């Protein structure tokens, strides 16, 4: 993802997949059932919630979370 772009869900899932960081593999029988919704829920539970718990992002009322100072430091490592 480019620097300065906001981490909206529509950008994050493809970016995680592109970097080889996406771990969700739906069961073959689930492929036809709303994959986008399943990916969204997986993203929120396994990535965004973890980042929030680590103090790397702050949830706001808007859809896009804001990076904290420790989140920026984690990216720059």
N, C-alpha and C. Protein backbone atom coordinates (compact mmCIF):
# COMPACT_ATOMS: atom_id res chain seq x y z
N UNK A 1 0.84 -1.16 0.00
CA UNK A 1 0.00 0.00 0.00
C UNK A 1 0.89 1.23 0.00
N UNK A 2 0.48 2.24 -0.69
CA UNK A 2 1.29 3.44 -0.79
C UNK A 2 1.24 4.25 0.50
N UNK A 3 2.34 4.94 0.79
CA UNK A 3 2.39 5.80 1.95
C UNK A 3 1.36 6.92 1.79
N UNK A 4 0.65 7.22 2.84
CA UNK A 4 -0.33 8.29 2.80
C UNK A 4 -1.73 7.83 2.44
N UNK A 5 -1.90 6.58 1.98
CA UNK A 5 -3.23 6.09 1.68
C UNK A 5 -3.87 5.58 2.96
N UNK A 6 -5.17 5.79 3.07
CA UNK A 6 -5.87 5.35 4.27
C UNK A 6 -6.17 3.86 4.18
N UNK A 7 -6.02 3.14 5.29
CA UNK A 7 -6.17 1.68 5.28
C UNK A 7 -7.63 1.22 5.32
N UNK A 8 -8.38 1.55 4.30
CA UNK A 8 -9.75 1.07 4.21
C UNK A 8 -9.75 -0.43 3.96
N UNK A 9 -10.79 -1.08 4.39
CA UNK A 9 -10.93 -2.52 4.24
C UNK A 9 -10.73 -2.96 2.79
N UNK A 10 -11.28 -2.20 1.85
CA UNK A 10 -11.17 -2.56 0.44
C UNK A 10 -9.73 -2.53 -0.05
N UNK A 11 -8.86 -1.82 0.65
CA UNK A 11 -7.43 -1.78 0.29
C UNK A 11 -6.60 -2.75 1.12
N UNK A 12 -7.01 -2.98 2.36
CA UNK A 12 -6.20 -3.77 3.28
C UNK A 12 -6.16 -5.25 2.93
N UNK A 13 -7.30 -5.85 2.65
CA UNK A 13 -7.31 -7.28 2.36
C UNK A 13 -6.45 -7.58 1.13
N UNK A 14 -6.62 -6.87 0.00
CA UNK A 14 -5.73 -7.13 -1.13
C UNK A 14 -4.24 -6.87 -0.82
N UNK A 15 -3.96 -5.84 -0.01
CA UNK A 15 -2.56 -5.55 0.35
C UNK A 15 -1.97 -6.67 1.20
N UNK A 16 -2.74 -7.18 2.14
CA UNK A 16 -2.26 -8.29 2.98
C UNK A 16 -2.02 -9.54 2.13
N UNK A 17 -2.92 -9.79 1.17
CA UNK A 17 -2.75 -10.94 0.27
C UNK A 17 -1.50 -10.77 -0.59
N UNK A 18 -1.31 -9.58 -1.11
CA UNK A 18 -0.17 -9.29 -1.98
C UNK A 18 1.16 -9.49 -1.25
N UNK A 19 1.19 -9.16 0.03
CA UNK A 19 2.41 -9.29 0.83
C UNK A 19 2.59 -10.68 1.43
N UNK A 20 1.63 -11.58 1.17
CA UNK A 20 1.73 -12.93 1.70
C UNK A 20 1.39 -13.03 3.18
N UNK A 21 0.65 -12.05 3.70
CA UNK A 21 0.32 -12.00 5.11
C UNK A 21 -1.11 -12.45 5.42
N UNK A 22 -1.88 -12.73 4.40
CA UNK A 22 -3.28 -13.14 4.56
C UNK A 22 -3.31 -14.63 4.85
N UNK A 23 -3.96 -15.03 5.95
CA UNK A 23 -3.95 -16.43 6.38
C UNK A 23 -5.28 -17.14 6.20
N UNK A 24 -6.31 -16.42 5.80
CA UNK A 24 -7.65 -17.02 5.72
C UNK A 24 -7.80 -17.86 4.46
N UNK A 25 -8.12 -19.11 4.65
CA UNK A 25 -8.41 -20.04 3.55
C UNK A 25 -9.77 -20.65 3.81
N UNK A 26 -10.81 -20.22 3.09
CA UNK A 26 -12.14 -20.78 3.34
C UNK A 26 -12.21 -22.24 2.93
N UNK A 27 -13.07 -22.98 3.60
CA UNK A 27 -13.30 -24.37 3.23
C UNK A 27 -13.91 -24.41 1.84
N UNK A 28 -13.62 -25.46 1.08
CA UNK A 28 -14.10 -25.55 -0.29
C UNK A 28 -15.61 -25.42 -0.39
N UNK A 29 -16.33 -25.96 0.59
CA UNK A 29 -17.79 -25.88 0.56
C UNK A 29 -18.30 -24.47 0.85
N UNK A 30 -17.44 -23.60 1.40
CA UNK A 30 -17.83 -22.23 1.72
C UNK A 30 -17.49 -21.21 0.64
N UNK A 31 -16.85 -21.65 -0.43
CA UNK A 31 -16.40 -20.71 -1.46
C UNK A 31 -17.55 -19.95 -2.12
N UNK A 32 -18.71 -20.56 -2.23
CA UNK A 32 -19.82 -19.88 -2.88
C UNK A 32 -20.59 -18.95 -1.97
N UNK A 33 -20.38 -19.04 -0.67
CA UNK A 33 -21.19 -18.25 0.25
C UNK A 33 -20.46 -16.97 0.66
N UNK A 34 -20.92 -15.88 0.21
CA UNK A 34 -20.45 -14.53 0.53
C UNK A 34 -19.02 -14.44 1.06
N UNK A 35 -18.07 -14.71 0.20
CA UNK A 35 -16.66 -14.71 0.56
C UNK A 35 -16.21 -13.34 1.07
N UNK A 36 -16.72 -12.28 0.46
CA UNK A 36 -16.32 -10.93 0.87
C UNK A 36 -16.69 -10.67 2.33
N UNK A 37 -17.86 -11.10 2.75
CA UNK A 37 -18.28 -10.92 4.14
C UNK A 37 -17.40 -11.74 5.07
N UNK A 38 -17.08 -12.95 4.69
CA UNK A 38 -16.22 -13.80 5.52
C UNK A 38 -14.82 -13.19 5.65
N UNK A 39 -14.29 -12.66 4.55
CA UNK A 39 -12.98 -12.02 4.60
C UNK A 39 -13.01 -10.77 5.48
N UNK A 40 -14.08 -10.01 5.40
CA UNK A 40 -14.21 -8.81 6.22
C UNK A 40 -14.19 -9.17 7.70
N UNK A 41 -14.95 -10.16 8.08
CA UNK A 41 -14.99 -10.57 9.48
C UNK A 41 -13.63 -11.12 9.95
N UNK A 42 -12.97 -11.88 9.08
CA UNK A 42 -11.64 -12.40 9.42
C UNK A 42 -10.66 -11.25 9.63
N UNK A 43 -10.69 -10.27 8.74
CA UNK A 43 -9.82 -9.11 8.84
C UNK A 43 -10.02 -8.39 10.18
N UNK A 44 -11.28 -8.13 10.53
CA UNK A 44 -11.55 -7.41 11.78
C UNK A 44 -11.13 -8.21 13.01
N UNK A 45 -11.36 -9.51 13.00
CA UNK A 45 -11.05 -10.33 14.17
C UNK A 45 -9.56 -10.65 14.31
N UNK A 46 -8.88 -10.84 13.20
CA UNK A 46 -7.50 -11.35 13.25
C UNK A 46 -6.43 -10.32 12.95
N UNK A 47 -6.80 -9.21 12.38
CA UNK A 47 -5.80 -8.17 12.08
C UNK A 47 -6.13 -6.88 12.83
N UNK A 48 -7.24 -6.28 12.50
CA UNK A 48 -7.55 -4.97 13.08
C UNK A 48 -7.68 -5.03 14.60
N UNK A 49 -8.32 -6.03 15.12
CA UNK A 49 -8.46 -6.15 16.59
C UNK A 49 -7.09 -6.35 17.24
N UNK A 50 -6.23 -7.14 16.61
CA UNK A 50 -4.87 -7.34 17.13
C UNK A 50 -4.10 -6.02 17.15
N UNK A 51 -4.19 -5.27 16.05
CA UNK A 51 -3.49 -3.99 15.98
C UNK A 51 -3.99 -3.03 17.05
N UNK A 52 -5.30 -3.06 17.28
CA UNK A 52 -5.88 -2.21 18.33
C UNK A 52 -5.38 -2.65 19.70
N UNK A 53 -5.39 -3.95 19.97
CA UNK A 53 -4.92 -4.49 21.25
C UNK A 53 -3.44 -4.16 21.49
N UNK A 54 -2.66 -4.11 20.43
CA UNK A 54 -1.23 -3.79 20.55
C UNK A 54 -1.00 -2.28 20.71
N UNK A 55 -2.06 -1.48 20.52
CA UNK A 55 -1.93 -0.03 20.64
C UNK A 55 -1.40 0.63 19.40
N UNK A 56 -1.46 -0.07 18.27
CA UNK A 56 -0.94 0.46 17.01
C UNK A 56 -1.93 1.33 16.27
N UNK A 57 -3.23 1.16 16.54
CA UNK A 57 -4.26 1.98 15.91
C UNK A 57 -5.24 2.44 16.97
N UNK A 58 -5.92 3.54 16.67
CA UNK A 58 -6.99 4.05 17.52
C UNK A 58 -8.26 4.02 16.71
N UNK A 59 -9.28 3.39 17.26
CA UNK A 59 -10.57 3.35 16.58
C UNK A 59 -11.22 4.72 16.68
N UNK A 60 -11.81 5.12 15.59
CA UNK A 60 -12.54 6.37 15.55
C UNK A 60 -13.92 6.10 15.00
N UNK A 61 -14.77 7.09 15.05
CA UNK A 61 -16.12 6.91 14.54
C UNK A 61 -16.12 6.71 13.03
N UNK A 62 -15.14 7.28 12.37
CA UNK A 62 -15.06 7.06 10.93
C UNK A 62 -14.58 5.64 10.67
N UNK A 63 -14.65 5.20 9.47
CA UNK A 63 -14.35 3.81 9.14
C UNK A 63 -12.87 3.48 9.19
N UNK A 64 -12.03 4.46 9.01
CA UNK A 64 -10.59 4.22 8.92
C UNK A 64 -9.91 4.53 10.25
N UNK A 65 -9.21 3.55 10.85
CA UNK A 65 -8.53 3.82 12.12
C UNK A 65 -7.30 4.70 11.91
N UNK A 66 -6.87 5.35 12.97
CA UNK A 66 -5.70 6.22 12.90
C UNK A 66 -4.51 5.50 13.53
N UNK A 67 -3.35 5.61 12.91
CA UNK A 67 -2.13 5.04 13.47
C UNK A 67 -1.71 5.82 14.70
N UNK A 68 -1.20 5.12 15.70
CA UNK A 68 -0.63 5.77 16.87
C UNK A 68 0.88 5.90 16.66
N UNK A 69 1.55 6.55 17.60
CA UNK A 69 3.01 6.68 17.51
C UNK A 69 3.66 5.30 17.54
N UNK A 70 3.15 4.40 18.37
CA UNK A 70 3.74 3.05 18.42
C UNK A 70 3.42 2.27 17.15
N UNK A 71 2.28 2.55 16.52
CA UNK A 71 1.96 1.92 15.24
C UNK A 71 2.93 2.36 14.14
N UNK A 72 3.24 3.65 14.14
CA UNK A 72 4.21 4.17 13.17
C UNK A 72 5.58 3.54 13.42
N UNK A 73 5.97 3.43 14.69
CA UNK A 73 7.26 2.82 15.02
C UNK A 73 7.30 1.36 14.58
N UNK A 74 6.19 0.63 14.72
CA UNK A 74 6.15 -0.77 14.30
C UNK A 74 6.32 -0.90 12.79
N UNK A 75 5.75 0.02 12.05
CA UNK A 75 5.88 0.00 10.59
C UNK A 75 7.30 0.30 10.17
N UNK A 76 7.94 1.23 10.86
CA UNK A 76 9.28 1.68 10.49
C UNK A 76 10.39 0.75 10.94
N UNK A 77 10.06 -0.31 11.67
CA UNK A 77 11.10 -1.26 12.15
C UNK A 77 11.79 -1.94 10.99
